Amino acid sequence: MKTTSLIARIGLLTSLALSSACNSAGHQQADSTGMSMDNLRVAVGALKDKVSAAATSLASVVEKADIDPKASFEQYNKDVTALTDALEKGESNLKSMRDQGQAYFAEWQKQAATISDPDLKKKAEERREKLSKAIAAVSDAMAEARTELVPYVKTNEDVRTYLKNDLTPEGIKSVADKSKQIGKDSKSIGKKIDDVVEALEKGAPEFKTAKPPPPPPETKS
């Protein structure tokens, strides 16, 4: 009897929890999508820094080819690892944003189907389309950046592998042209990452529920 009663109580609590989730899931999912966009903005900002750092440290290796390149190469080695990690994190955050957005739009579409007022139904469709375009704008900008980012990361990994086996003055000078190209590519990639950030800064506020302003600072008497 006690077991049956416990199961019944658990079932009731579960039903209440699911009911509560259904009633609040929409705007909570919108806020979560906005938060995912904020996380992606932080990640791509860090990625831009790593792109620049790798180009700078490689240029330092080339500059010190005839002096003592070891310290500069150690820094370049770290920067390439950080660059690879930053790209992976950025792509992971991009996937989270997309997945969160898809879940939000799917639930919204399901809920909107229950609206009988034609004017409200139309407004819901228009808003959903606008927010969907905000997600698409970020995805498109990131895809554009990836066309240069992915080969950029691979080239830096290849140059690092090359220098690991030949850090002689002649070996370093043989990658000087690669270093110059990497420097140019880093600036181009930086601009494309700026486009991603711009799309995120425009889109994220569209998903967020307004929060009350912070209390005014206390004045000393």
C-alpha atoms as a PDB file:
ATOM      1  CA  MET A   1       0.000   0.000   0.000  1.00  0.00           C
ATOM      2  CA  LYS A   2       2.791   2.389   0.928  1.00  0.00           C
ATOM      3  CA  THR A   3       4.620   1.635  -2.323  1.00  0.00           C
ATOM      4  CA  THR A   4       1.451   2.271  -4.369  1.00  0.00           C
ATOM      5  CA  SER A   5       0.864   5.546  -2.540  1.00  0.00           C
ATOM      6  CA  LEU A   6       4.456   6.652  -3.139  1.00  0.00           C
ATOM      7  CA  ILE A   7       4.234   5.855  -6.853  1.00  0.00           C
ATOM      8  CA  ALA A   8       0.989   7.809  -7.089  1.00  0.00           C
ATOM      9  CA  ARG A   9       2.559  10.803  -5.384  1.00  0.00           C
ATOM     10  CA  ILE A  10       5.597  10.675  -7.683  1.00  0.00           C
ATOM     11  CA  GLY A  11       3.305  10.508 -10.690  1.00  0.00           C
ATOM     12  CA  LEU A  12       1.370  13.537  -9.464  1.00  0.00           C
ATOM     13  CA  LEU A  13       4.540  15.545  -8.856  1.00  0.00           C
ATOM     14  CA  THR A  14       5.862  14.600 -12.292  1.00  0.00           C
ATOM     15  CA  SER A  15       2.626  15.690 -13.940  1.00  0.00           C
ATOM     16  CA  LEU A  16       2.711  19.009 -12.108  1.00  0.00           C
ATOM     17  CA  ALA A  17       6.338  19.565 -13.128  1.00  0.00           C
ATOM     18  CA  LEU A  18       5.602  18.794 -16.768  1.00  0.00           C
ATOM     19  CA  SER A  19       2.579  21.059 -16.687  1.00  0.00           C
ATOM     20  CA  SER A  20       4.666  23.882 -15.241  1.00  0.00           C
ATOM     21  CA  ALA A  21       7.367  23.329 -17.885  1.00  0.00           C
ATOM     22  CA  CYS A  22       4.827  23.479 -20.688  1.00  0.00           C
ATOM     23  CA  ASN A  23       3.362  26.725 -19.335  1.00  0.00           C
ATOM     24  CA  SER A  24       6.758  28.472 -19.084  1.00  0.00           C
ATOM     25  CA  ALA A  25       8.937  26.640 -21.603  1.00  0.00           C
ATOM     26  CA  GLY A  26       8.469  29.157 -24.413  1.00  0.00           C
ATOM     27  CA  HIS A  27       9.930  32.301 -22.914  1.00  0.00           C
ATOM     28  CA  GLN A  28      12.478  30.274 -20.933  1.00  0.00           C
ATOM     29  CA  GLN A  29      13.692  28.674 -24.153  1.00  0.00           C
ATOM     30  CA  ALA A  30      13.869  32.129 -25.728  1.00  0.00           C
ATOM     31  CA  ASP A  31      16.068  33.350 -22.860  1.00  0.00           C
ATOM     32  CA  SER A  32      18.198  30.206 -23.149  1.00  0.00           C
ATOM     33  CA  THR A  33      18.653  30.851 -26.864  1.00  0.00           C
ATOM     34  CA  GLY A  34      19.706  34.415 -26.124  1.00  0.00           C
ATOM     35  CA  MET A  35      22.159  33.109 -23.530  1.00  0.00           C
ATOM     36  CA  SER A  36      23.561  30.653 -26.082  1.00  0.00           C
ATOM     37  CA  MET A  37      24.124  33.572 -28.425  1.00  0.00           C
ATOM     38  CA  ASP A  38      25.932  35.473 -25.660  1.00  0.00           C
ATOM     39  CA  ASN A  39      28.133  32.434 -25.019  1.00  0.00           C
ATOM     40  CA  LEU A  40      28.938  32.180 -28.713  1.00  0.00           C
ATOM     41  CA  ARG A  41      29.847  35.879 -28.808  1.00  0.00           C
ATOM     42  CA  VAL A  42      32.349  35.356 -25.986  1.00  0.00           C
ATOM     43  CA  ALA A  43      33.740  32.260 -27.714  1.00  0.00           C
ATOM     44  CA  VAL A  44      34.254  33.926 -31.106  1.00  0.00           C
ATOM     45  CA  GLY A  45      35.787  36.967 -29.411  1.00  0.00           C
ATOM     46  CA  ALA A  46      38.341  34.674 -27.792  1.00  0.00           C
ATOM     47  CA  LEU A  47      38.815  32.906 -31.131  1.00  0.00           C
ATOM     48  CA  LYS A  48      39.680  36.212 -32.818  1.00  0.00           C
ATOM     49  CA  ASP A  49      42.349  36.832 -30.174  1.00  0.00           C
ATOM     50  CA  LYS A  50      43.846  33.362 -30.739  1.00  0.00           C
ATOM     51  CA  VAL A  51      43.911  33.870 -34.509  1.00  0.00           C
ATOM     52  CA  SER A  52      45.918  37.054 -34.045  1.00  0.00           C
ATOM     53  CA  ALA A  53      48.182  35.552 -31.373  1.00  0.00           C
ATOM     54  CA  ALA A  54      49.268  32.649 -33.601  1.00  0.00           C
ATOM     55  CA  ALA A  55      50.223  35.003 -36.432  1.00  0.00           C
ATOM     56  CA  THR A  56      52.139  37.271 -34.051  1.00  0.00           C
ATOM     57  CA  SER A  57      54.134  34.523 -32.356  1.00  0.00           C
ATOM     58  CA  LEU A  58      55.018  32.870 -35.684  1.00  0.00           C
ATOM     59  CA  ALA A  59      56.287  36.223 -36.968  1.00  0.00           C
ATOM     60  CA  SER A  60      58.447  36.405 -33.833  1.00  0.00           C
ATOM     61  CA  VAL A  61      59.907  32.970 -34.577  1.00  0.00           C
ATOM     62  CA  VAL A  62      60.881  34.104 -38.077  1.00  0.00           C
ATOM     63  CA  GLU A  63      62.301  37.365 -36.760  1.00  0.00           C
ATOM     64  CA  LYS A  64      64.561  35.518 -34.308  1.00  0.00           C
ATOM     65  CA  ALA A  65      65.661  32.773 -36.702  1.00  0.00           C
ATOM     66  CA  ASP A  66      69.333  33.772 -36.434  1.00  0.00           C
ATOM     67  CA  ILE A  67      69.279  34.645 -32.719  1.00  0.00           C
ATOM     68  CA  ASP A  68      67.359  32.345 -30.352  1.00  0.00           C
ATOM     69  CA  PRO A  69      63.959  31.239 -31.658  1.00  0.00           C
ATOM     70  CA  LYS A  70      63.235  28.639 -28.963  1.00  0.00           C
ATOM     71  CA  ALA A  71      61.228  30.863 -26.610  1.00  0.00           C
ATOM     72  CA  SER A  72      59.228  32.310 -29.509  1.00  0.00           C
ATOM     73  CA  PHE A  73      58.549  28.825 -30.872  1.00  0.00           C
ATOM     74  CA  GLU A  74      57.365  27.618 -27.464  1.00  0.00           C
ATOM     75  CA  GLN A  75      54.894  30.500 -27.451  1.00  0.00           C
ATOM     76  CA  TYR A  76      53.795  29.705 -31.000  1.00  0.00           C
ATOM     77  CA  ASN A  77      53.305  26.072 -30.037  1.00  0.00           C
ATOM     78  CA  LYS A  78      50.998  27.153 -27.189  1.00  0.00           C
ATOM     79  CA  ASP A  79      49.175  29.639 -29.406  1.00  0.00           C
ATOM     80  CA  VAL A  80      48.425  27.011 -32.065  1.00  0.00           C
ATOM     81  CA  THR A  81      47.025  24.656 -29.424  1.00  0.00           C
ATOM     82  CA  ALA A  82      44.913  27.492 -27.998  1.00  0.00           C
ATOM     83  CA  LEU A  83      43.750  28.384 -31.517  1.00  0.00           C
ATOM     84  CA  THR A  84      42.616  24.819 -32.208  1.00  0.00           C
ATOM     85  CA  ASP A  85      40.802  24.650 -28.872  1.00  0.00           C
ATOM     86  CA  ALA A  86      39.142  28.031 -29.463  1.00  0.00           C
ATOM     87  CA  LEU A  87      37.806  26.926 -32.855  1.00  0.00           C
ATOM     88  CA  GLU A  88      36.383  23.746 -31.337  1.00  0.00           C
ATOM     89  CA  LYS A  89      34.753  25.734 -28.535  1.00  0.00           C
ATOM     90  CA  GLY A  90      33.292  28.208 -31.003  1.00  0.00           C
ATOM     91  CA  GLU A  91      31.805  25.435 -33.110  1.00  0.00           C
ATOM     92  CA  SER A  92      30.430  23.743 -29.998  1.00  0.00           C
ATOM     93  CA  ASN A  93      28.753  26.990 -28.950  1.00  0.00           C
ATOM     94  CA  LEU A  94      27.392  27.462 -32.459  1.00  0.00           C
ATOM     95  CA  LYS A  95      25.816  24.004 -32.322  1.00  0.00           C
ATOM     96  CA  SER A  96      24.311  24.759 -28.903  1.00  0.00           C
ATOM     97  CA  MET A  97      22.779  27.977 -30.236  1.00  0.00           C
ATOM     98  CA  ARG A  98      21.306  26.188 -33.239  1.00  0.00           C
ATOM     99  CA  ASP A  99      19.965  23.291 -31.190  1.00  0.00           C
ATOM    100  CA  GLN A 100      18.458  25.638 -28.606  1.00  0.00           C
ATOM    101  CA  GLY A 101      16.891  27.754 -31.330  1.00  0.00           C
ATOM    102  CA  GLN A 102      15.434  24.755 -33.140  1.00  0.00           C
ATOM    103  CA  ALA A 103      13.886  23.421 -29.937  1.00  0.00           C
ATOM    104  CA  TYR A 104      12.441  26.853 -29.192  1.00  0.00           C
ATOM    105  CA  PHE A 105      10.960  27.345 -32.665  1.00  0.00           C
ATOM    106  CA  ALA A 106       9.518  23.817 -32.761  1.00  0.00           C
ATOM    107  CA  GLU A 107       7.767  24.310 -29.418  1.00  0.00           C
ATOM    108  CA  TRP A 108       6.603  27.781 -30.433  1.00  0.00           C
ATOM    109  CA  GLN A 109       5.127  26.467 -33.677  1.00  0.00           C
ATOM    110  CA  LYS A 110       3.328  23.749 -31.763  1.00  0.00           C
ATOM    111  CA  GLN A 111       1.901  26.252 -29.278  1.00  0.00           C
ATOM    112  CA  ALA A 112       0.994  28.761 -31.992  1.00  0.00           C
ATOM    113  CA  ALA A 113      -1.131  26.126 -33.711  1.00  0.00           C
ATOM    114  CA  THR A 114      -3.513  26.290 -30.745  1.00  0.00           C
ATOM    115  CA  ILE A 115      -4.120  30.037 -31.182  1.00  0.00           C
ATOM    116  CA  SER A 116      -7.539  30.687 -32.733  1.00  0.00           C
ATOM    117  CA  ASP A 117      -7.273  34.469 -33.136  1.00  0.00           C
ATOM    118  CA  PRO A 118      -6.041  34.985 -36.748  1.00  0.00           C
ATOM    119  CA  ASP A 119      -4.334  38.298 -35.967  1.00  0.00           C
ATOM    120  CA  LEU A 120      -2.365  36.813 -33.067  1.00  0.00           C
ATOM    121  CA  LYS A 121      -1.535  33.735 -35.117  1.00  0.00           C
ATOM    122  CA  LYS A 122      -0.131  35.943 -37.881  1.00  0.00           C
ATOM    123  CA  LYS A 123       1.885  38.014 -35.411  1.00  0.00           C
ATOM    124  CA  ALA A 124       3.317  34.831 -33.883  1.00  0.00           C
ATOM    125  CA  GLU A 125       4.397  33.615 -37.326  1.00  0.00           C
ATOM    126  CA  GLU A 126       6.011  36.958 -38.142  1.00  0.00           C
ATOM    127  CA  ARG A 127       7.906  37.080 -34.854  1.00  0.00           C
ATOM    128  CA  ARG A 128       9.032  33.477 -35.188  1.00  0.00           C
ATOM    129  CA  GLU A 129      10.262  34.167 -38.721  1.00  0.00           C
ATOM    130  CA  LYS A 130      12.171  37.271 -37.563  1.00  0.00           C
ATOM    131  CA  LEU A 131      13.902  35.379 -34.752  1.00  0.00           C
ATOM    132  CA  SER A 132      14.632  32.479 -37.065  1.00  0.00           C
ATOM    133  CA  LYS A 133      16.361  34.891 -39.446  1.00  0.00           C
ATOM    134  CA  ALA A 134      18.475  36.178 -36.547  1.00  0.00           C
ATOM    135  CA  ILE A 135      19.757  32.658 -35.919  1.00  0.00           C
ATOM    136  CA  ALA A 136      20.326  32.148 -39.644  1.00  0.00           C
ATOM    137  CA  ALA A 137      22.293  35.409 -39.904  1.00  0.00           C
ATOM    138  CA  VAL A 138      24.694  34.224 -37.209  1.00  0.00           C
ATOM    139  CA  SER A 139      25.018  30.789 -38.803  1.00  0.00           C
ATOM    140  CA  ASP A 140      25.703  32.302 -42.224  1.00  0.00           C
ATOM    141  CA  ALA A 141      28.321  34.705 -40.837  1.00  0.00           C
ATOM    142  CA  MET A 142      30.013  31.887 -38.964  1.00  0.00           C
ATOM    143  CA  ALA A 143      29.990  29.684 -42.070  1.00  0.00           C
ATOM    144  CA  GLU A 144      31.665  32.496 -43.993  1.00  0.00           C
ATOM    145  CA  ALA A 145      34.343  32.826 -41.308  1.00  0.00           C
ATOM    146  CA  ARG A 146      34.892  29.058 -41.249  1.00  0.00           C
ATOM    147  CA  THR A 147      35.859  29.025 -44.922  1.00  0.00           C
ATOM    148  CA  GLU A 148      39.070  30.778 -43.873  1.00  0.00           C
ATOM    149  CA  LEU A 149      39.293  29.653 -40.255  1.00  0.00           C
ATOM    150  CA  VAL A 150      39.496  25.918 -40.864  1.00  0.00           C
ATOM    151  CA  PRO A 151      42.368  26.058 -43.394  1.00  0.00           C
ATOM    152  CA  TYR A 152      44.048  28.744 -41.274  1.00  0.00           C
ATOM    153  CA  VAL A 153      44.111  26.456 -38.253  1.00  0.00           C
ATOM    154  CA  LYS A 154      45.334  23.539 -40.359  1.00  0.00           C
ATOM    155  CA  THR A 155      48.128  25.621 -41.902  1.00  0.00           C
ATOM    156  CA  ASN A 156      49.310  26.719 -38.471  1.00  0.00           C
ATOM    157  CA  GLU A 157      49.275  23.120 -37.260  1.00  0.00           C
ATOM    158  CA  ASP A 158      51.341  22.101 -40.309  1.00  0.00           C
ATOM    159  CA  VAL A 159      53.851  24.928 -39.805  1.00  0.00           C
ATOM    160  CA  ARG A 160      54.191  23.976 -36.143  1.00  0.00           C
ATOM    161  CA  THR A 161      54.876  20.357 -37.071  1.00  0.00           C
ATOM    162  CA  TYR A 162      57.444  21.482 -39.632  1.00  0.00           C
ATOM    163  CA  LEU A 163      59.285  23.706 -37.152  1.00  0.00           C
ATOM    164  CA  LYS A 164      59.217  21.054 -34.443  1.00  0.00           C
ATOM    165  CA  ASN A 165      61.532  19.056 -36.665  1.00  0.00           C
ATOM    166  CA  ASP A 166      63.615  21.906 -38.079  1.00  0.00           C
ATOM    167  CA  LEU A 167      64.183  24.990 -35.954  1.00  0.00           C
ATOM    168  CA  THR A 168      67.447  25.868 -37.676  1.00  0.00           C
ATOM    169  CA  PRO A 169      67.845  29.328 -39.209  1.00  0.00           C
ATOM    170  CA  GLU A 170      67.433  27.855 -42.695  1.00  0.00           C
ATOM    171  CA  GLY A 171      64.394  25.831 -41.653  1.00  0.00           C
ATOM    172  CA  ILE A 172      62.693  28.844 -40.107  1.00  0.00           C
ATOM    173  CA  LYS A 173      63.469  31.108 -43.070  1.00  0.00           C
ATOM    174  CA  SER A 174      61.890  28.546 -45.377  1.00  0.00           C
ATOM    175  CA  VAL A 175      58.488  29.249 -43.758  1.00  0.00           C
ATOM    176  CA  ALA A 176      58.843  33.050 -43.855  1.00  0.00           C
ATOM    177  CA  ASP A 177      56.411  33.288 -46.782  1.00  0.00           C
ATOM    178  CA  LYS A 178      53.914  31.153 -44.881  1.00  0.00           C
ATOM    179  CA  SER A 179      54.261  33.469 -41.907  1.00  0.00           C
ATOM    180  CA  LYS A 180      53.490  36.521 -44.051  1.00  0.00           C
ATOM    181  CA  GLN A 181      50.421  34.819 -45.531  1.00  0.00           C
ATOM    182  CA  ILE A 182      49.233  33.763 -42.079  1.00  0.00           C
ATOM    183  CA  GLY A 183      49.574  37.368 -40.962  1.00  0.00           C
ATOM    184  CA  LYS A 184      47.408  38.559 -43.866  1.00  0.00           C
ATOM    185  CA  ASP A 185      44.866  35.782 -43.328  1.00  0.00           C
ATOM    186  CA  SER A 186      44.561  36.615 -39.624  1.00  0.00           C
ATOM    187  CA  LYS A 187      43.384  40.143 -40.479  1.00  0.00           C
ATOM    188  CA  SER A 188      40.845  38.868 -43.010  1.00  0.00           C
ATOM    189  CA  ILE A 189      39.533  36.296 -40.537  1.00  0.00           C
ATOM    190  CA  GLY A 190      39.331  38.957 -37.835  1.00  0.00           C
ATOM    191  CA  LYS A 191      36.980  41.017 -40.021  1.00  0.00           C
ATOM    192  CA  LYS A 192      34.779  38.004 -40.667  1.00  0.00           C
ATOM    193  CA  ILE A 193      34.624  37.221 -36.962  1.00  0.00           C
ATOM    194  CA  ASP A 194      33.571  40.841 -36.428  1.00  0.00           C
ATOM    195  CA  ASP A 195      30.636  40.116 -38.760  1.00  0.00           C
ATOM    196  CA  VAL A 196      29.682  37.149 -36.572  1.00  0.00           C
ATOM    197  CA  VAL A 197      29.826  39.320 -33.450  1.00  0.00           C
ATOM    198  CA  GLU A 198      27.708  41.993 -35.147  1.00  0.00           C
ATOM    199  CA  ALA A 199      25.042  39.422 -36.072  1.00  0.00           C
ATOM    200  CA  LEU A 200      25.037  38.122 -32.501  1.00  0.00           C
ATOM    201  CA  GLU A 201      24.777  41.579 -30.967  1.00  0.00           C
ATOM    202  CA  LYS A 202      21.817  42.360 -33.204  1.00  0.00           C
ATOM    203  CA  GLY A 203      20.067  39.046 -32.702  1.00  0.00           C
ATOM    204  CA  ALA A 204      20.551  38.148 -29.029  1.00  0.00           C
ATOM    205  CA  PRO A 205      18.432  40.995 -27.561  1.00  0.00           C
ATOM    206  CA  GLU A 206      15.472  39.806 -29.652  1.00  0.00           C
ATOM    207  CA  PHE A 207      15.281  36.627 -27.566  1.00  0.00           C
ATOM    208  CA  LYS A 208      15.714  38.050 -24.071  1.00  0.00           C
ATOM    209  CA  THR A 209      13.014  38.843 -21.556  1.00  0.00           C
ATOM    210  CA  ALA A 210      13.450  42.350 -20.148  1.00  0.00           C
ATOM    211  CA  LYS A 211      14.967  42.494 -16.677  1.00  0.00           C
ATOM    212  CA  PRO A 212      14.368  45.183 -14.048  1.00  0.00           C
ATOM    213  CA  PRO A 213      17.043  47.880 -13.857  1.00  0.00           C
ATOM    214  CA  PRO A 214      19.544  47.625 -11.016  1.00  0.00           C
ATOM    215  CA  PRO A 215      18.677  49.569  -7.857  1.00  0.00           C
ATOM    216  CA  PRO A 216      20.160  53.059  -7.644  1.00  0.00           C
ATOM    217  CA  PRO A 217      23.377  53.335  -5.659  1.00  0.00           C
ATOM    218  CA  GLU A 218      22.988  54.240  -2.024  1.00  0.00           C
ATOM    219  CA  THR A 219      23.773  57.846  -1.240  1.00  0.00           C
ATOM    220  CA  LYS A 220      25.755  58.681   1.826  1.00  0.00           C
ATOM    221  CA  SER A 221      24.020  60.999   4.235  1.00  0.00           C
END
